[in-house]
Amino acid sequence: MPNTNANANANSNANDALSAAIQAALIAAIRQYLQLNPHAADTAEGITLFWLNELPLPPSAAQVADALAALLASGEVEALPLAGRTVWRRARAV
């Protein structure tokens, strides 16, 4: 009989690796977009639709939120409240 715990752990590790790879790809795509468009600013939905529209598979809202959170934590982007929404842009030098 197969060891279901080992299979579950292997699946979990594979999912974690895939999630990390997706996040790294999204971060790289957002960085590239901002490098080419340094004055761009948009909501997470707009980023998904317009900044990341050339990706082979559209990312989920949660994946984009995770990538933006990582970029915010590293100081590369900033989140600005605007009319009840959050607009993301490249961090400005102070």
Protein backbone atom coordinates (compact mmCIF):
# COMPACT_ATOMS: atom_id res chain seq x y z
CA MET A 1 0.00 0.00 0.00
CA PRO A 2 1.43 3.43 -0.92
CA ASN A 3 2.48 5.79 1.82
CA THR A 4 -0.13 8.54 1.60
CA ASN A 5 1.80 10.85 3.94
CA ALA A 6 4.85 10.70 1.68
CA ASN A 7 2.68 11.39 -1.37
CA ALA A 8 0.99 14.32 0.38
CA ASN A 9 4.36 15.78 1.38
CA ALA A 10 5.72 15.38 -2.14
CA ASN A 11 2.65 17.11 -3.58
CA SER A 12 2.91 19.90 -1.01
CA ASN A 13 6.59 20.45 -1.83
CA ALA A 14 5.83 20.51 -5.56
CA ASN A 15 3.03 23.04 -5.01
CA ASP A 16 5.31 25.22 -2.87
CA ALA A 17 8.01 25.16 -5.55
CA LEU A 18 5.46 26.03 -8.24
CA SER A 19 4.06 28.89 -6.15
CA ALA A 20 7.57 30.25 -5.58
CA ALA A 21 8.34 30.04 -9.30
CA ILE A 22 5.10 31.82 -10.20
CA GLN A 23 5.78 34.57 -7.65
CA ALA A 24 9.34 35.02 -8.95
CA ALA A 25 8.03 35.28 -12.53
CA LEU A 26 5.38 37.84 -11.53
CA ILE A 27 7.91 39.92 -9.59
CA ALA A 28 10.26 39.87 -12.57
CA ALA A 29 7.45 40.87 -14.96
CA ILE A 30 6.36 43.78 -12.72
CA ARG A 31 9.98 44.94 -12.34
CA GLN A 32 10.44 44.82 -16.11
CA TYR A 33 7.23 46.75 -16.73
CA LEU A 34 8.26 49.44 -14.26
CA GLN A 35 11.72 49.64 -15.78
CA LEU A 36 10.16 50.28 -19.19
CA ASN A 37 7.38 52.49 -17.80
CA PRO A 38 8.84 54.24 -14.74
CA HIS A 39 5.84 56.55 -14.27
CA ALA A 40 3.21 53.80 -14.46
CA ALA A 41 0.69 53.43 -11.66
CA ASP A 42 -2.32 51.14 -11.45
CA THR A 43 -4.51 49.03 -9.22
CA ALA A 44 -3.79 45.34 -8.76
CA GLU A 45 -6.58 44.59 -11.23
CA GLY A 46 -5.06 46.95 -13.80
CA ILE A 47 -1.63 45.46 -13.26
CA THR A 48 -3.06 42.02 -13.92
CA LEU A 49 -4.91 43.12 -17.06
CA PHE A 50 -2.35 45.46 -18.61
CA TRP A 51 1.10 44.99 -17.10
CA LEU A 52 0.98 41.20 -17.01
CA ASN A 53 -1.13 40.57 -20.11
CA GLU A 54 1.71 38.93 -22.07
CA LEU A 55 2.24 36.11 -19.57
CA PRO A 56 1.33 32.65 -20.89
CA LEU A 57 -1.27 32.14 -18.14
CA PRO A 58 -3.12 34.94 -16.36
CA PRO A 59 -2.17 35.10 -12.69
CA SER A 60 -4.77 35.01 -9.94
CA ALA A 61 -5.55 38.07 -7.86
CA ALA A 62 -3.90 36.37 -4.87
CA GLN A 63 -0.71 35.71 -6.84
CA VAL A 64 -0.50 39.34 -7.96
CA ALA A 65 -1.19 40.53 -4.40
CA ASP A 66 1.62 38.31 -3.09
CA ALA A 67 4.05 39.62 -5.72
CA LEU A 68 3.12 43.24 -4.95
CA ALA A 69 3.50 42.59 -1.21
CA ALA A 70 7.00 41.21 -1.80
CA LEU A 71 7.94 44.24 -3.92
CA LEU A 72 6.49 46.55 -1.26
CA ALA A 73 8.50 44.79 1.46
CA SER A 74 11.69 45.22 -0.57
CA GLY A 75 10.96 48.93 -1.09
CA GLU A 76 10.62 48.64 -4.87
CA VAL A 77 6.99 49.74 -5.09
CA GLU A 78 4.66 51.82 -2.99
CA ALA A 79 0.95 51.52 -2.38
CA LEU A 80 -1.10 54.70 -2.45
CA PRO A 81 -4.71 54.91 -1.26
CA LEU A 82 -6.84 56.64 -3.86
CA ALA A 83 -10.63 56.90 -3.81
CA GLY A 84 -11.07 53.77 -1.73
CA ARG A 85 -8.66 51.70 -3.83
CA THR A 86 -4.93 51.05 -3.76
CA VAL A 87 -2.74 52.27 -6.59
CA TRP A 88 0.70 50.72 -7.01
CA ARG A 89 3.71 52.47 -8.50
CA ARG A 90 7.49 52.35 -8.46
CA ALA A 91 8.82 53.68 -5.18
CA ARG A 92 9.88 57.30 -5.44
CA ALA A 93 13.14 58.57 -4.01
CA VAL A 94 12.57 60.80 -1.01
